[in-house]
Amino acid sequence: MSLPFLSELISALQAKIDAACDPTVNHHIPGVVSIVVDSHGAEKFAYASGMRGIGSGIPMSLDNIFRIASCTKLITSIACLQLVEERLIDLDDVSFLEALLPELKDVDNCPPHIR
């Protein structure tokens, strides 16, 4: 990918993110933090736009902390399936879980499992 094209792509992406956070157009998205990493975990794009909250007047930044509540289950599931894809774990073999967390073996009526 040529550098001029990449620069145009980044500018267009930033404009879309800014438009999504524009309070005169959209009253439902006060702010956004967008980060893109490659398959090796290297950051390729990081951008913050909008405000921390509706009517807060405090700009969003890359350092903001978000409460993601039950989304941790989704993130953990994605990470597990990536490990399955790389053949590092098997969804039906919990021996690695038992080795990592041996105390789970002794929990009554609740053997460790991934599925």
PDB file of N, CA and C in Angstrom:
ATOM      1  N   MET A   1       0.849  -1.171   0.000  1.00  0.00           N
ATOM      2  CA  MET A   1       0.000   0.000   0.000  1.00  0.00           C
ATOM      3  C   MET A   1       0.896   1.237   0.000  1.00  0.00           C
ATOM      4  N   SER A   2       0.650   2.130  -0.937  1.00  0.00           N
ATOM      5  CA  SER A   2       1.498   3.317  -1.026  1.00  0.00           C
ATOM      6  C   SER A   2       1.179   4.290   0.105  1.00  0.00           C
ATOM      7  N   LEU A   3       2.181   5.054   0.498  1.00  0.00           N
ATOM      8  CA  LEU A   3       2.026   5.998   1.601  1.00  0.00           C
ATOM      9  C   LEU A   3       0.973   7.075   1.336  1.00  0.00           C
ATOM     10  N   PRO A   4       0.925   7.692   0.142  1.00  0.00           N
ATOM     11  CA  PRO A   4      -0.115   8.706  -0.083  1.00  0.00           C
ATOM     12  C   PRO A   4      -1.521   8.123   0.071  1.00  0.00           C
ATOM     13  N   PHE A   5      -1.727   6.911  -0.422  1.00  0.00           N
ATOM     14  CA  PHE A   5      -3.042   6.276  -0.303  1.00  0.00           C
ATOM     15  C   PHE A   5      -3.368   6.017   1.159  1.00  0.00           C
ATOM     16  N   LEU A   6      -2.393   5.562   1.919  1.00  0.00           N
ATOM     17  CA  LEU A   6      -2.597   5.288   3.339  1.00  0.00           C
ATOM     18  C   LEU A   6      -2.962   6.573   4.079  1.00  0.00           C
ATOM     19  N   SER A   7      -2.305   7.657   3.762  1.00  0.00           N
ATOM     20  CA  SER A   7      -2.595   8.947   4.384  1.00  0.00           C
ATOM     21  C   SER A   7      -4.028   9.389   4.083  1.00  0.00           C
ATOM     22  N   GLU A   8      -4.458   9.201   2.835  1.00  0.00           N
ATOM     23  CA  GLU A   8      -5.833   9.545   2.450  1.00  0.00           C
ATOM     24  C   GLU A   8      -6.832   8.658   3.181  1.00  0.00           C
ATOM     25  N   LEU A   9      -6.514   7.388   3.305  1.00  0.00           N
ATOM     26  CA  LEU A   9      -7.387   6.444   3.992  1.00  0.00           C
ATOM     27  C   LEU A   9      -7.547   6.823   5.464  1.00  0.00           C
ATOM     28  N   ILE A  10      -6.450   7.159   6.113  1.00  0.00           N
ATOM     29  CA  ILE A  10      -6.492   7.562   7.525  1.00  0.00           C
ATOM     30  C   ILE A  10      -7.305   8.842   7.689  1.00  0.00           C
ATOM     31  N   SER A  11      -7.111   9.810   6.809  1.00  0.00           N
ATOM     32  CA  SER A  11      -7.882  11.061   6.881  1.00  0.00           C
ATOM     33  C   SER A  11      -9.371  10.800   6.701  1.00  0.00           C
ATOM     34  N   ALA A  12      -9.709   9.921   5.766  1.00  0.00           N
ATOM     35  CA  ALA A  12     -11.119   9.586   5.530  1.00  0.00           C
ATOM     36  C   ALA A  12     -11.719   8.876   6.735  1.00  0.00           C
ATOM     37  N   LEU A  13     -10.957   7.975   7.343  1.00  0.00           N
ATOM     38  CA  LEU A  13     -11.429   7.259   8.526  1.00  0.00           C
ATOM     39  C   LEU A  13     -11.644   8.230   9.689  1.00  0.00           C
ATOM     40  N   GLN A  14     -10.713   9.138   9.899  1.00  0.00           N
ATOM     41  CA  GLN A  14     -10.861  10.135  10.960  1.00  0.00           C
ATOM     42  C   GLN A  14     -12.093  11.011  10.719  1.00  0.00           C
ATOM     43  N   ALA A  15     -12.344  11.381   9.473  1.00  0.00           N
ATOM     44  CA  ALA A  15     -13.516  12.206   9.152  1.00  0.00           C
ATOM     45  C   ALA A  15     -14.811  11.452   9.453  1.00  0.00           C
ATOM     46  N   LYS A  16     -14.851  10.155   9.142  1.00  0.00           N
ATOM     47  CA  LYS A  16     -16.044   9.338   9.439  1.00  0.00           C
ATOM     48  C   LYS A  16     -16.268   9.243  10.945  1.00  0.00           C
ATOM     49  N   ILE A  17     -15.193   9.041  11.689  1.00  0.00           N
ATOM     50  CA  ILE A  17     -15.303   8.945  13.150  1.00  0.00           C
ATOM     51  C   ILE A  17     -15.770  10.279  13.723  1.00  0.00           C
ATOM     52  N   ASP A  18     -15.197  11.376  13.245  1.00  0.00           N
ATOM     53  CA  ASP A  18     -15.613  12.704  13.712  1.00  0.00           C
ATOM     54  C   ASP A  18     -17.092  12.947  13.406  1.00  0.00           C
ATOM     55  N   ALA A  19     -17.534  12.550  12.219  1.00  0.00           N
ATOM     56  CA  ALA A  19     -18.938  12.735  11.836  1.00  0.00           C
ATOM     57  C   ALA A  19     -19.865  11.924  12.738  1.00  0.00           C
ATOM     58  N   ALA A  20     -19.435  10.724  13.114  1.00  0.00           N
ATOM     59  CA  ALA A  20     -20.258   9.881  13.987  1.00  0.00           C
ATOM     60  C   ALA A  20     -20.420  10.499  15.367  1.00  0.00           C
ATOM     61  N   CYS A  21     -19.466  11.308  15.783  1.00  0.00           N
ATOM     62  CA  CYS A  21     -19.491  11.937  17.115  1.00  0.00           C
ATOM     63  C   CYS A  21     -19.985  13.379  17.084  1.00  0.00           C
ATOM     64  N   ASP A  22     -20.399  13.859  15.932  1.00  0.00           N
ATOM     65  CA  ASP A  22     -20.841  15.249  15.806  1.00  0.00           C
ATOM     66  C   ASP A  22     -22.183  15.430  16.522  1.00  0.00           C
ATOM     67  N   PRO A  23     -22.217  16.211  17.606  1.00  0.00           N
ATOM     68  CA  PRO A  23     -23.463  16.351  18.374  1.00  0.00           C
ATOM     69  C   PRO A  23     -24.583  17.052  17.613  1.00  0.00           C
ATOM     70  N   THR A  24     -24.254  17.778  16.544  1.00  0.00           N
ATOM     71  CA  THR A  24     -25.313  18.429  15.769  1.00  0.00           C
ATOM     72  C   THR A  24     -26.016  17.441  14.851  1.00  0.00           C
ATOM     73  N   VAL A  25     -25.400  16.287  14.626  1.00  0.00           N
ATOM     74  CA  VAL A  25     -25.966  15.276  13.737  1.00  0.00           C
ATOM     75  C   VAL A  25     -26.442  14.055  14.511  1.00  0.00           C
ATOM     76  N   ASN A  26     -25.647  13.617  15.460  1.00  0.00           N
ATOM     77  CA  ASN A  26     -25.913  12.372  16.171  1.00  0.00           C
ATOM     78  C   ASN A  26     -25.862  12.637  17.674  1.00  0.00           C
ATOM     79  N   HIS A  27     -26.959  12.365  18.345  1.00  0.00           N
ATOM     80  CA  HIS A  27     -27.019  12.612  19.788  1.00  0.00           C
ATOM     81  C   HIS A  27     -26.807  11.336  20.597  1.00  0.00           C
ATOM     82  N   HIS A  28     -26.427  10.249  19.937  1.00  0.00           N
ATOM     83  CA  HIS A  28     -26.308   8.960  20.616  1.00  0.00           C
ATOM     84  C   HIS A  28     -24.866   8.498  20.807  1.00  0.00           C
ATOM     85  N   ILE A  29     -23.922   9.105  20.110  1.00  0.00           N
ATOM     86  CA  ILE A  29     -22.512   8.710  20.225  1.00  0.00           C
ATOM     87  C   ILE A  29     -21.710   9.933  20.657  1.00  0.00           C
ATOM     88  N   PRO A  30     -21.495  10.090  21.962  1.00  0.00           N
ATOM     89  CA  PRO A  30     -20.749  11.275  22.401  1.00  0.00           C
ATOM     90  C   PRO A  30     -19.270  11.232  22.031  1.00  0.00           C
ATOM     91  N   GLY A  31     -18.654  10.042  22.082  1.00  0.00           N
ATOM     92  CA  GLY A  31     -17.228   9.942  21.794  1.00  0.00           C
ATOM     93  C   GLY A  31     -16.822   8.532  21.439  1.00  0.00           C
ATOM     94  N   VAL A  32     -15.684   8.427  20.783  1.00  0.00           N
ATOM     95  CA  VAL A  32     -15.188   7.137  20.302  1.00  0.00           C
ATOM     96  C   VAL A  32     -13.670   7.104  20.419  1.00  0.00           C
ATOM     97  N   VAL A  33     -13.143   5.937  20.751  1.00  0.00           N
ATOM     98  CA  VAL A  33     -11.715   5.672  20.628  1.00  0.00           C
ATOM     99  C   VAL A  33     -11.592   4.491  19.678  1.00  0.00           C
ATOM    100  N   SER A  34     -10.853   4.658  18.602  1.00  0.00           N
ATOM    101  CA  SER A  34     -10.667   3.601  17.608  1.00  0.00           C
ATOM    102  C   SER A  34      -9.194   3.247  17.529  1.00  0.00           C
ATOM    103  N   ILE A  35      -8.923   1.953  17.588  1.00  0.00           N
ATOM    104  CA  ILE A  35      -7.543   1.479  17.488  1.00  0.00           C
ATOM    105  C   ILE A  35      -7.522   0.285  16.549  1.00  0.00           C
ATOM    106  N   VAL A  36      -6.547   0.263  15.659  1.00  0.00           N
ATOM    107  CA  VAL A  36      -6.361  -0.855  14.738  1.00  0.00           C
ATOM    108  C   VAL A  36      -4.974  -1.427  14.983  1.00  0.00           C
ATOM    109  N   VAL A  37      -4.906  -2.746  15.159  1.00  0.00           N
ATOM    110  CA  VAL A  37      -3.620  -3.435  15.304  1.00  0.00           C
ATOM    111  C   VAL A  37      -3.517  -4.499  14.229  1.00  0.00           C
ATOM    112  N   ASP A  38      -2.297  -4.834  13.838  1.00  0.00           N
ATOM    113  CA  ASP A  38      -2.118  -5.892  12.849  1.00  0.00           C
ATOM    114  C   ASP A  38      -2.064  -7.248  13.549  1.00  0.00           C
ATOM    115  N   SER A  39      -1.880  -8.298  12.780  1.00  0.00           N
ATOM    116  CA  SER A  39      -1.904  -9.655  13.334  1.00  0.00           C
ATOM    117  C   SER A  39      -0.747  -9.924  14.292  1.00  0.00           C
ATOM    118  N   HIS A  40       0.230  -9.042  14.333  1.00  0.00           N
ATOM    119  CA  HIS A  40       1.359  -9.186  15.258  1.00  0.00           C
ATOM    120  C   HIS A  40       1.196  -8.305  16.499  1.00  0.00           C
ATOM    121  N   GLY A  41       0.064  -7.604  16.575  1.00  0.00           N
ATOM    122  CA  GLY A  41      -0.200  -6.753  17.728  1.00  0.00           C
ATOM    123  C   GLY A  41       0.376  -5.355  17.624  1.00  0.00           C
ATOM    124  N   ALA A  42       0.930  -5.012  16.468  1.00  0.00           N
ATOM    125  CA  ALA A  42       1.501  -3.671  16.291  1.00  0.00           C
ATOM    126  C   ALA A  42       0.385  -2.669  15.995  1.00  0.00           C
ATOM    127  N   GLU A  43       0.386  -1.567  16.712  1.00  0.00           N
ATOM    128  CA  GLU A  43      -0.629  -0.534  16.507  1.00  0.00           C
ATOM    129  C   GLU A  43      -0.423   0.133  15.151  1.00  0.00           C
ATOM    130  N   LYS A  44      -1.488   0.181  14.359  1.00  0.00           N
ATOM    131  CA  LYS A  44      -1.427   0.800  13.038  1.00  0.00           C
ATOM    132  C   LYS A  44      -2.211   2.101  12.969  1.00  0.00           C
ATOM    133  N   PHE A  45      -3.193   2.254  13.865  1.00  0.00           N
ATOM    134  CA  PHE A  45      -4.042   3.443  13.856  1.00  0.00           C
ATOM    135  C   PHE A  45      -4.618   3.626  15.249  1.00  0.00           C
ATOM    136  N   ALA A  46      -4.583   4.832  15.767  1.00  0.00           N
ATOM    137  CA  ALA A  46      -5.201   5.143  17.056  1.00  0.00           C
ATOM    138  C   ALA A  46      -5.750   6.560  16.969  1.00  0.00           C
ATOM    139  N   TYR A  47      -7.033   6.709  17.324  1.00  0.00           N
ATOM    140  CA  TYR A  47      -7.674   8.010  17.168  1.00  0.00           C
ATOM    141  C   TYR A  47      -8.810   8.147  18.174  1.00  0.00           C
ATOM    142  N   ALA A  48      -8.914   9.291  18.791  1.00  0.00           N
ATOM    143  CA  ALA A  48     -10.008   9.595  19.712  1.00  0.00           C
ATOM    144  C   ALA A  48     -10.760  10.804  19.186  1.00  0.00           C
ATOM    145  N   SER A  49     -12.082  10.769  19.325  1.00  0.00           N
ATOM    146  CA  SER A  49     -12.910  11.859  18.820  1.00  0.00           C
ATOM    147  C   SER A  49     -14.119  12.050  19.723  1.00  0.00           C
ATOM    148  N   GLY A  50     -14.663  13.248  19.718  1.00  0.00           N
ATOM    149  CA  GLY A  50     -15.873  13.518  20.481  1.00  0.00           C
ATOM    150  C   GLY A  50     -15.587  13.825  21.940  1.00  0.00           C
ATOM    151  N   MET A  51     -16.626  13.652  22.751  1.00  0.00           N
ATOM    152  CA  MET A  51     -16.563  13.976  24.170  1.00  0.00           C
ATOM    153  C   MET A  51     -16.695  12.713  25.014  1.00  0.00           C
ATOM    154  N   ARG A  52     -16.242  12.806  26.270  1.00  0.00           N
ATOM    155  CA  ARG A  52     -16.301  11.662  27.186  1.00  0.00           C
ATOM    156  C   ARG A  52     -17.729  11.226  27.484  1.00  0.00           C
ATOM    157  N   GLY A  53     -18.634  12.140  27.442  1.00  0.00           N
ATOM    158  CA  GLY A  53     -20.032  11.823  27.722  1.00  0.00           C
ATOM    159  C   GLY A  53     -20.922  12.913  27.172  1.00  0.00           C
ATOM    160  N   ILE A  54     -22.202  12.613  27.044  1.00  0.00           N
ATOM    161  CA  ILE A  54     -23.146  13.596  26.528  1.00  0.00           C
ATOM    162  C   ILE A  54     -23.158  14.796  27.470  1.00  0.00           C
ATOM    163  N   GLY A  55     -22.866  15.958  26.923  1.00  0.00           N
ATOM    164  CA  GLY A  55     -22.872  17.189  27.697  1.00  0.00           C
ATOM    165  C   GLY A  55     -21.700  17.366  28.650  1.00  0.00           C
ATOM    166  N   SER A  56     -20.712  16.476  28.595  1.00  0.00           N
ATOM    167  CA  SER A  56     -19.595  16.576  29.547  1.00  0.00           C
ATOM    168  C   SER A  56     -18.650  17.725  29.213  1.00  0.00           C
ATOM    169  N   GLY A  57     -18.471  18.006  27.928  1.00  0.00           N
ATOM    170  CA  GLY A  57     -17.535  19.041  27.528  1.00  0.00           C
ATOM    171  C   GLY A  57     -16.077  18.640  27.660  1.00  0.00           C
ATOM    172  N   ILE A  58     -15.827  17.393  28.105  1.00  0.00           N
ATOM    173  CA  ILE A  58     -14.453  16.901  28.251  1.00  0.00           C
ATOM    174  C   ILE A  58     -14.124  16.052  27.021  1.00  0.00           C
ATOM    175  N   PRO A  59     -13.099  16.424  26.274  1.00  0.00           N
ATOM    176  CA  PRO A  59     -12.769  15.673  25.061  1.00  0.00           C
ATOM    177  C   PRO A  59     -12.350  14.226  25.350  1.00  0.00           C
ATOM    178  N   MET A  60     -12.719  13.347  24.442  1.00  0.00           N
ATOM    179  CA  MET A  60     -12.287  11.950  24.508  1.00  0.00           C
ATOM    180  C   MET A  60     -10.794  11.916  24.214  1.00  0.00           C
ATOM    181  N   SER A  61     -10.071  10.991  24.858  1.00  0.00           N
ATOM    182  CA  SER A  61      -8.641  10.840  24.586  1.00  0.00           C
ATOM    183  C   SER A  61      -8.308   9.358  24.488  1.00  0.00           C
ATOM    184  N   LEU A  62      -7.146   9.070  23.968  1.00  0.00           N
ATOM    185  CA  LEU A  62      -6.712   7.672  23.849  1.00  0.00           C
ATOM    186  C   LEU A  62      -6.495   7.031  25.211  1.00  0.00           C
ATOM    187  N   ASP A  63      -6.388   7.833  26.261  1.00  0.00           N
ATOM    188  CA  ASP A  63      -6.142   7.314  27.609  1.00  0.00           C
ATOM    189  C   ASP A  63      -7.409   7.070  28.419  1.00  0.00           C
ATOM    190  N   ASN A  64      -8.586   7.353  27.844  1.00  0.00           N
ATOM    191  CA  ASN A  64      -9.825   7.145  28.590  1.00  0.00           C
ATOM    192  C   ASN A  64     -10.006   5.680  28.947  1.00  0.00           C
ATOM    193  N   ILE A  65     -10.592   5.450  30.116  1.00  0.00           N
ATOM    194  CA  ILE A  65     -10.895   4.095  30.578  1.00  0.00           C
ATOM    195  C   ILE A  65     -12.395   3.895  30.438  1.00  0.00           C
ATOM    196  N   PHE A  66     -12.794   2.745  29.886  1.00  0.00           N
ATOM    197  CA  PHE A  66     -14.200   2.444  29.655  1.00  0.00           C
ATOM    198  C   PHE A  66     -14.644   1.273  30.512  1.00  0.00           C
ATOM    199  N   ARG A  67     -15.864   1.332  30.983  1.00  0.00           N
ATOM    200  CA  ARG A  67     -16.476   0.186  31.654  1.00  0.00           C
ATOM    201  C   ARG A  67     -17.097  -0.669  30.559  1.00  0.00           C
ATOM    202  N   ILE A  68     -16.603  -1.888  30.419  1.00  0.00           N
ATOM    203  CA  ILE A  68     -17.114  -2.724  29.340  1.00  0.00           C
ATOM    204  C   ILE A  68     -17.995  -3.860  29.838  1.00  0.00           C
ATOM    205  N   ALA A  69     -18.175  -3.973  31.147  1.00  0.00           N
ATOM    206  CA  ALA A  69     -19.103  -4.923  31.769  1.00  0.00           C
ATOM    207  C   ALA A  69     -19.004  -6.311  31.142  1.00  0.00           C
ATOM    208  N   SER A  70     -20.102  -6.832  30.652  1.00  0.00           N
ATOM    209  CA  SER A  70     -20.144  -8.206  30.151  1.00  0.00           C
ATOM    210  C   SER A  70     -19.412  -8.401  28.831  1.00  0.00           C
ATOM    211  N   CYS A  71     -18.886  -7.351  28.254  1.00  0.00           N
ATOM    212  CA  CYS A  71     -18.124  -7.504  27.009  1.00  0.00           C
ATOM    213  C   CYS A  71     -16.846  -8.298  27.234  1.00  0.00           C
ATOM    214  N   THR A  72     -16.413  -8.434  28.499  1.00  0.00           N
ATOM    215  CA  THR A  72     -15.210  -9.223  28.762  1.00  0.00           C
ATOM    216  C   THR A  72     -15.422 -10.674  28.340  1.00  0.00           C
ATOM    217  N   LYS A  73     -16.663 -11.171  28.430  1.00  0.00           N
ATOM    218  CA  LYS A  73     -16.947 -12.543  27.982  1.00  0.00           C
ATOM    219  C   LYS A  73     -16.699 -12.671  26.482  1.00  0.00           C
ATOM    220  N   LEU A  74     -17.139 -11.685  25.728  1.00  0.00           N
ATOM    221  CA  LEU A  74     -16.934 -11.697  24.286  1.00  0.00           C
ATOM    222  C   LEU A  74     -15.447 -11.645  23.950  1.00  0.00           C
ATOM    223  N   ILE A  75     -14.719 -10.774  24.616  1.00  0.00           N
ATOM    224  CA  ILE A  75     -13.282 -10.641  24.360  1.00  0.00           C
ATOM    225  C   ILE A  75     -12.549 -11.932  24.716  1.00  0.00           C
ATOM    226  N   THR A  76     -12.921 -12.549  25.849  1.00  0.00           N
ATOM    227  CA  THR A  76     -12.304 -13.816  26.252  1.00  0.00           C
ATOM    228  C   THR A  76     -12.624 -14.908  25.240  1.00  0.00           C
ATOM    229  N   SER A  77     -13.857 -14.943  24.748  1.00  0.00           N
ATOM    230  CA  SER A  77     -14.246 -15.938  23.741  1.00  0.00           C
ATOM    231  C   SER A  77     -13.441 -15.773  22.463  1.00  0.00           C
ATOM    232  N   ILE A  78     -13.274 -14.546  22.028  1.00  0.00           N
ATOM    233  CA  ILE A  78     -12.484 -14.288  20.817  1.00  0.00           C
ATOM    234  C   ILE A  78     -11.047 -14.752  21.022  1.00  0.00           C
ATOM    235  N   ALA A  79     -10.470 -14.433  22.178  1.00  0.00           N
ATOM    236  CA  ALA A  79      -9.090 -14.849  22.461  1.00  0.00           C
ATOM    237  C   ALA A  79      -8.973 -16.369  22.467  1.00  0.00           C
ATOM    238  N   CYS A  80      -9.932 -17.063  23.083  1.00  0.00           N
ATOM    239  CA  CYS A  80      -9.904 -18.536  23.108  1.00  0.00           C
ATOM    240  C   CYS A  80     -10.004 -19.106  21.699  1.00  0.00           C
ATOM    241  N   LEU A  81     -10.903 -18.559  20.888  1.00  0.00           N
ATOM    242  CA  LEU A  81     -11.060 -19.075  19.530  1.00  0.00           C
ATOM    243  C   LEU A  81      -9.832 -18.777  18.670  1.00  0.00           C
ATOM    244  N   GLN A  82      -9.138 -17.682  18.944  1.00  0.00           N
ATOM    245  CA  GLN A  82      -7.883 -17.421  18.237  1.00  0.00           C
ATOM    246  C   GLN A  82      -6.838 -18.466  18.620  1.00  0.00           C
ATOM    247  N   LEU A  83      -6.811 -18.860  19.895  1.00  0.00           N
ATOM    248  CA  LEU A  83      -5.882 -19.908  20.333  1.00  0.00           C
ATOM    249  C   LEU A  83      -6.244 -21.253  19.709  1.00  0.00           C
ATOM    250  N   VAL A  84      -7.538 -21.521  19.552  1.00  0.00           N
ATOM    251  CA  VAL A  84      -7.976 -22.747  18.868  1.00  0.00           C
ATOM    252  C   VAL A  84      -7.514 -22.705  17.415  1.00  0.00           C
ATOM    253  N   GLU A  85      -7.712 -21.570  16.759  1.00  0.00           N
ATOM    254  CA  GLU A  85      -7.304 -21.402  15.365  1.00  0.00           C
ATOM    255  C   GLU A  85      -5.806 -21.642  15.187  1.00  0.00           C
ATOM    256  N   GLU A  86      -5.014 -21.225  16.171  1.00  0.00           N
ATOM    257  CA  GLU A  86      -3.562 -21.420  16.120  1.00  0.00           C
ATOM    258  C   GLU A  86      -3.151 -22.801  16.627  1.00  0.00           C
ATOM    259  N   ARG A  87      -4.150 -23.619  16.957  1.00  0.00           N
ATOM    260  CA  ARG A  87      -3.946 -24.989  17.454  1.00  0.00           C
ATOM    261  C   ARG A  87      -3.123 -25.028  18.748  1.00  0.00           C
ATOM    262  N   LEU A  88      -3.298 -24.013  19.570  1.00  0.00           N
ATOM    263  CA  LEU A  88      -2.611 -23.974  20.859  1.00  0.00           C
ATOM    264  C   LEU A  88      -3.473 -24.568  21.969  1.00  0.00           C
ATOM    265  N   ILE A  89      -4.791 -24.545  21.771  1.00  0.00           N
ATOM    266  CA  ILE A  89      -5.710 -25.203  22.703  1.00  0.00           C
ATOM    267  C   ILE A  89      -6.777 -25.939  21.909  1.00  0.00           C
ATOM    268  N   ASP A  90      -7.490 -26.820  22.605  1.00  0.00           N
ATOM    269  CA  ASP A  90      -8.596 -27.575  22.012  1.00  0.00           C
ATOM    270  C   ASP A  90      -9.817 -27.323  22.892  1.00  0.00           C
ATOM    271  N   LEU A  91     -10.945 -26.998  22.287  1.00  0.00           N
ATOM    272  CA  LEU A  91     -12.142 -26.702  23.066  1.00  0.00           C
ATOM    273  C   LEU A  91     -12.614 -27.883  23.911  1.00  0.00           C
ATOM    274  N   ASP A  92     -12.242 -29.096  23.513  1.00  0.00           N
ATOM    275  CA  ASP A  92     -12.693 -30.283  24.239  1.00  0.00           C
ATOM    276  C   ASP A  92     -11.651 -30.827  25.207  1.00  0.00           C
ATOM    277  N   ASP A  93     -10.483 -30.231  25.267  1.00  0.00           N
ATOM    278  CA  ASP A  93      -9.416 -30.694  26.156  1.00  0.00           C
ATOM    279  C   ASP A  93      -9.155 -29.621  27.213  1.00  0.00           C
ATOM    280  N   VAL A  94      -9.553 -29.918  28.441  1.00  0.00           N
ATOM    281  CA  VAL A  94      -9.407 -28.922  29.507  1.00  0.00           C
ATOM    282  C   VAL A  94      -8.156 -29.138  30.348  1.00  0.00           C
ATOM    283  N   SER A  95      -7.280 -30.034  29.914  1.00  0.00           N
ATOM    284  CA  SER A  95      -6.084 -30.317  30.714  1.00  0.00           C
ATOM    285  C   SER A  95      -5.234 -29.063  30.930  1.00  0.00           C
ATOM    286  N   PHE A  96      -5.173 -28.184  29.928  1.00  0.00           N
ATOM    287  CA  PHE A  96      -4.384 -26.960  30.103  1.00  0.00           C
ATOM    288  C   PHE A  96      -5.039 -26.050  31.147  1.00  0.00           C
ATOM    289  N   LEU A  97      -6.390 -26.041  31.198  1.00  0.00           N
ATOM    290  CA  LEU A  97      -7.073 -25.252  32.225  1.00  0.00           C
ATOM    291  C   LEU A  97      -6.774 -25.796  33.612  1.00  0.00           C
ATOM    292  N   GLU A  98      -6.809 -27.124  33.724  1.00  0.00           N
ATOM    293  CA  GLU A  98      -6.528 -27.753  35.016  1.00  0.00           C
ATOM    294  C   GLU A  98      -5.079 -27.520  35.439  1.00  0.00           C
ATOM    295  N   ALA A  99      -4.165 -27.490  34.471  1.00  0.00           N
ATOM    296  CA  ALA A  99      -2.759 -27.227  34.795  1.00  0.00           C
ATOM    297  C   ALA A  99      -2.561 -25.759  35.195  1.00  0.00           C
ATOM    298  N   LEU A 100      -3.266 -24.874  34.507  1.00  0.00           N
ATOM    299  CA  LEU A 100      -3.147 -23.442  34.778  1.00  0.00           C
ATOM    300  C   LEU A 100      -3.835 -23.048  36.087  1.00  0.00           C
ATOM    301  N   LEU A 101      -4.995 -23.659  36.341  1.00  0.00           N
ATOM    302  CA  LEU A 101      -5.792 -23.340  37.533  1.00  0.00           C
ATOM    303  C   LEU A 101      -6.187 -24.635  38.239  1.00  0.00           C
ATOM    304  N   PRO A 102      -5.249 -25.296  38.913  1.00  0.00           N
ATOM    305  CA  PRO A 102      -5.527 -26.602  39.513  1.00  0.00           C
ATOM    306  C   PRO A 102      -6.661 -26.576  40.536  1.00  0.00           C
ATOM    307  N   GLU A 103      -6.913 -25.427  41.145  1.00  0.00           N
ATOM    308  CA  GLU A 103      -7.985 -25.359  42.136  1.00  0.00           C
ATOM    309  C   GLU A 103      -9.369 -25.589  41.525  1.00  0.00           C
ATOM    310  N   LEU A 104      -9.495 -25.441  40.204  1.00  0.00           N
ATOM    311  CA  LEU A 104     -10.784 -25.676  39.554  1.00  0.00           C
ATOM    312  C   LEU A 104     -11.180 -27.149  39.564  1.00  0.00           C
ATOM    313  N   LYS A 105     -10.199 -28.048  39.634  1.00  0.00           N
ATOM    314  CA  LYS A 105     -10.503 -29.485  39.645  1.00  0.00           C
ATOM    315  C   LYS A 105     -11.316 -29.875  40.868  1.00  0.00           C
ATOM    316  N   ASP A 106     -11.138 -29.169  41.968  1.00  0.00           N
ATOM    317  CA  ASP A 106     -11.776 -29.539  43.227  1.00  0.00           C
ATOM    318  C   ASP A 106     -13.125 -28.864  43.464  1.00  0.00           C
ATOM    319  N   VAL A 107     -13.597 -28.081  42.512  1.00  0.00           N
ATOM    320  CA  VAL A 107     -14.889 -27.418  42.687  1.00  0.00           C
ATOM    321  C   VAL A 107     -15.995 -28.445  42.463  1.00  0.00           C
ATOM    322  N   ASP A 108     -16.835 -28.638  43.478  1.00  0.00           N
ATOM    323  CA  ASP A 108     -17.916 -29.627  43.399  1.00  0.00           C
ATOM    324  C   ASP A 108     -18.926 -29.266  42.319  1.00  0.00           C
ATOM    325  N   ASN A 109     -19.312 -30.260  41.556  1.00  0.00           N
ATOM    326  CA  ASN A 109     -20.376 -30.143  40.549  1.00  0.00           C
ATOM    327  C   ASN A 109     -20.120 -29.083  39.484  1.00  0.00           C
ATOM    328  N   CYS A 110     -18.890 -28.692  39.311  1.00  0.00           N
ATOM    329  CA  CYS A 110     -18.604 -27.663  38.307  1.00  0.00           C
ATOM    330  C   CYS A 110     -17.213 -27.885  37.717  1.00  0.00           C
ATOM    331  N   PRO A 111     -17.057 -28.965  36.939  1.00  0.00           N
ATOM    332  CA  PRO A 111     -15.741 -29.198  36.343  1.00  0.00           C
ATOM    333  C   PRO A 111     -15.411 -28.089  35.337  1.00  0.00           C
ATOM    334  N   PRO A 112     -14.139 -27.784  35.174  1.00  0.00           N
ATOM    335  CA  PRO A 112     -13.775 -26.736  34.206  1.00  0.00           C
ATOM    336  C   PRO A 112     -14.116 -27.170  32.787  1.00  0.00           C
ATOM    337  N   HIS A 113     -14.527 -26.225  31.990  1.00  0.00           N
ATOM    338  CA  HIS A 113     -14.827 -26.501  30.582  1.00  0.00           C
ATOM    339  C   HIS A 113     -14.693 -25.205  29.785  1.00  0.00           C
ATOM    340  N   ILE A 114     -14.569 -25.369  28.477  1.00  0.00           N
ATOM    341  CA  ILE A 114     -14.464 -24.198  27.613  1.00  0.00           C
ATOM    342  C   ILE A 114     -15.750 -24.004  26.826  1.00  0.00           C
ATOM    343  N   ARG A 115     -16.330 -25.086  26.362  1.00  0.00           N
ATOM    344  CA  ARG A 115     -17.573 -24.972  25.572  1.00  0.00           C
ATOM    345  C   ARG A 115     -18.725 -24.528  26.415  1.00  0.00           C
TER     346      ARG A 115
END
